[in-house]
Protein backbone atom coordinates (compact mmCIF):
# COMPACT_ATOMS: atom_id res chain seq x y z
CA MET A 1 86.55 99.67 95.92
CA SER A 2 88.38 102.94 96.19
CA GLY A 3 90.99 103.16 98.58
CA GLY A 4 93.68 105.06 100.08
CA ILE A 5 96.19 104.90 97.70
CA GLY A 6 93.72 103.99 94.73
CA ALA A 7 91.05 101.81 93.70
CA LYS A 8 91.41 98.24 94.45
CA LYS A 9 89.52 94.95 93.91
CA VAL A 10 88.85 92.74 96.89
CA ASP A 11 86.72 89.64 96.41
CA VAL A 12 83.78 90.31 98.80
CA THR A 13 83.01 93.52 99.86
CA TRP A 14 80.08 94.92 102.36
CA SER A 15 79.46 98.57 102.63
CA THR A 16 77.15 101.22 103.47
CA GLU A 17 76.11 104.56 102.42
CA GLN A 18 76.45 105.75 106.09
CA SER A 19 79.63 104.21 106.71
CA GLY A 20 81.49 103.42 104.16
CA LEU A 21 83.40 99.73 104.30
CA GLN A 22 82.44 97.64 106.48
CA LEU A 23 84.05 94.02 105.89
CA ALA A 24 85.92 93.16 103.34
CA LEU A 25 87.32 89.69 102.57
CA SER A 26 90.66 88.87 100.64
CA VAL A 27 91.20 84.93 99.40
CA LYS A 28 94.42 84.33 97.84
CA CYS A 29 95.24 80.55 96.47
CA ILE A 30 97.59 78.24 95.58
CA ASN A 31 96.70 75.25 94.44
CA PHE A 32 99.63 73.71 92.27
CA LYS A 33 103.10 72.77 93.28
CA ASP A 34 105.57 74.54 91.39
CA ARG A 35 107.54 72.43 88.74
CA ARG A 36 111.00 73.32 89.73
CA GLY A 37 110.73 73.06 93.37
CA ARG A 38 107.97 70.82 93.59
CA ASN A 39 106.17 72.68 96.60
CA TYR A 40 104.00 75.22 96.90
CA GLN A 41 105.72 78.19 98.23
CA LYS A 42 106.84 80.02 94.61
CA ASN A 43 103.99 82.46 94.92
CA VAL A 44 103.66 83.02 98.60
CA VAL A 45 105.49 86.01 99.39
CA ASN A 46 104.02 87.75 96.26
CA ARG A 47 100.19 86.81 97.91
CA ARG A 48 101.67 88.17 101.25
CA GLY A 49 102.47 91.30 98.96
CA ASP A 50 99.56 91.71 97.28
CA MET A 51 97.13 91.40 100.54
CA LEU A 52 99.31 93.88 102.40
CA PHE A 53 98.81 96.76 99.36
CA GLU A 54 94.88 95.45 99.84
CA SER A 55 95.27 96.25 103.33
CA VAL A 56 96.99 99.12 103.07
CA THR A 57 95.01 101.40 100.79
CA LEU A 58 91.66 100.22 102.41
CA HIS A 59 92.72 100.86 105.81
CA ARG A 60 93.63 104.38 104.78
CA ARG A 61 90.56 105.21 103.18
CA PHE A 62 88.51 103.47 105.92
CA PRO A 63 90.50 102.85 108.96
CA TYR A 64 87.38 101.27 110.78
CA ALA A 65 86.62 98.89 108.22
CA VAL A 66 87.41 95.12 108.95
CA LEU A 67 89.39 93.21 106.43
CA GLY A 68 89.53 89.31 106.63
CA GLY A 69 92.01 87.52 104.62
CA PHE A 70 92.19 83.78 103.62
CA MET A 71 95.45 81.63 102.15
CA LEU A 72 93.76 78.68 100.52
CA PHE A 73 96.16 75.92 99.88
CA ASP A 74 96.01 72.63 98.80
CA ARG A 75 96.38 69.44 101.77
CA GLY A 76 99.77 68.84 99.91
CA ALA A 77 101.38 72.28 101.29
CA ALA A 78 101.26 71.05 104.84
CA GLU A 79 103.30 67.68 103.71
CA ASP A 80 105.82 69.59 100.98
CA GLY A 81 108.77 70.03 103.44
CA SER A 82 112.03 68.62 103.62
CA ASP A 83 115.06 68.13 105.82
CA ARG A 84 116.42 71.59 105.04
CA ARG A 85 113.02 73.40 104.88
CA ASN A 86 109.63 73.63 106.49
CA SER A 87 106.31 72.90 104.90
CA THR A 88 104.75 75.51 102.78
CA PHE A 89 101.87 75.30 105.50
CA VAL A 90 104.41 76.00 108.17
CA ASN A 91 106.37 78.89 106.50
CA THR A 92 103.31 80.80 105.74
CA HIS A 93 101.89 80.91 108.89
CA LYS A 94 105.36 82.49 109.90
CA ARG A 95 105.29 85.18 106.92
CA LEU A 96 101.63 85.74 107.96
CA ARG A 97 101.79 86.29 111.92
CA LEU A 98 103.23 89.74 111.94
CA PHE A 99 99.91 91.15 109.63
CA THR A 100 97.56 89.56 112.10
CA GLY A 101 95.42 90.80 114.41
CA ARG A 102 94.87 94.49 113.99
CA SER A 103 92.67 95.16 117.06
CA ASP A 104 92.44 99.14 116.68
CA PRO A 105 91.29 101.68 113.62
CA ALA A 106 94.28 103.07 114.44
CA GLY A 107 96.29 100.37 114.20
CA ARG A 108 99.00 99.53 111.59
CA ASP A 109 97.35 99.68 108.10
CA GLU A 110 99.31 96.67 106.59
CA GLN A 111 97.74 94.37 109.17
CA TYR A 112 94.28 92.74 108.91
CA GLU A 113 92.12 92.33 111.81
CA ARG A 114 92.18 88.64 110.89
CA LEU A 115 94.20 86.51 108.85
CA TYR A 116 93.58 82.29 108.09
CA VAL A 117 95.39 79.91 106.38
CA ALA A 118 93.29 76.68 105.15
CA LEU A 119 94.10 73.06 103.58
CA ILE A 120 91.73 72.27 101.12
CA ASP A 121 91.29 68.65 99.53
CA ALA A 122 89.28 69.24 96.38
CA ASN A 123 88.58 65.49 95.89
CA PRO A 124 84.80 65.62 94.71
CA LEU A 125 84.64 62.52 96.85
CA ALA A 126 85.80 63.85 100.35
CA ALA A 127 86.42 67.30 99.68
CA SER A 128 87.37 68.98 102.99
CA VAL A 129 88.91 72.32 104.55
CA GLN A 130 91.14 72.85 107.39
CA LEU A 131 91.12 76.42 108.75
CA PHE A 132 93.70 78.03 111.16
CA ARG A 133 94.40 81.31 112.13
CA ALA A 134 97.77 82.34 110.69
CA GLY A 135 100.36 82.15 112.88
CA ASP A 136 99.07 79.22 114.50
CA SER A 137 99.16 76.12 112.80
CA GLU A 138 98.58 73.62 115.56
CA HIS A 139 94.83 74.81 116.19
CA GLN A 140 92.28 73.76 113.61
CA MET A 141 89.17 75.74 113.54
CA GLN A 142 85.71 75.89 111.95
CA LEU A 143 85.00 78.38 109.01
CA ASP A 144 81.78 79.57 111.02
CA ASP A 145 83.47 80.40 113.76
CA ALA A 146 86.31 82.78 111.60
CA PHE A 147 83.25 84.49 110.34
CA ASP A 148 81.91 84.79 113.88
CA GLU A 149 84.93 86.44 114.71
CA LEU A 150 84.48 89.21 111.66
CA LEU A 151 81.14 89.68 111.94
CA ALA A 152 81.58 90.43 115.86
CA LEU A 153 84.56 92.62 114.61
CA VAL A 154 82.00 94.72 112.85
CA ALA A 155 79.66 95.28 115.24
CA GLU A 156 82.52 96.52 118.04
CA ARG A 157 83.66 99.30 115.25
CA ASN A 158 80.20 100.00 114.58
CA PRO A 159 78.63 99.70 117.99
CA ASP A 160 76.06 102.66 117.32
CA PHE A 161 74.24 100.75 114.37
CA TYR A 162 75.44 96.52 115.27
CA GLU A 163 75.42 93.90 117.80
CA PHE A 164 76.65 90.54 117.45
CA VAL A 165 74.40 88.44 119.76
CA ASP A 166 74.46 84.26 119.38
CA GLY A 167 75.93 84.24 116.03
CA ARG A 168 73.89 87.00 114.14
CA LEU A 169 74.60 90.78 113.16
CA ARG A 170 71.61 92.62 113.48
CA ARG A 171 70.75 96.10 114.01
CA VAL A 172 70.94 98.00 117.09
CA GLN A 173 67.25 99.27 117.61
CA PHE A 174 67.03 102.76 119.72
């Protein structure tokens, strides 16, 4: 995807010829503990930097685009804290809180409209996902609700083309 600073690959994009980029989703994963630190924090700051570069370059070229970011961790990231340090899960919320909630297309380019943090249990017999809005490590949400938030924002940013009604994004008929 061509951006304001240069080309940037993003995991999922939706664009139209009329409006350009409508929605972009960025997914970053940290699935394994660092051998030395025995926690999941080693690359959190780097992944955040990757996400912020994506946001800046895409928002500069497409200020009305809705960007959603997902940081996925093994569920052990919620339990790797110690007496001296919070868990990776808690620390990630603190590090991403400032970069979520962009409500205005003229807002800060480095902010995502929504950032989410997920804990994944990939056990084939009992797989599960716990999803949270970045900055709120207490209140779990459903993945469908996250997608609904993002699609509702697409409709809000493009009211001449779309509306979000009853969980569906649909074209406006004139």
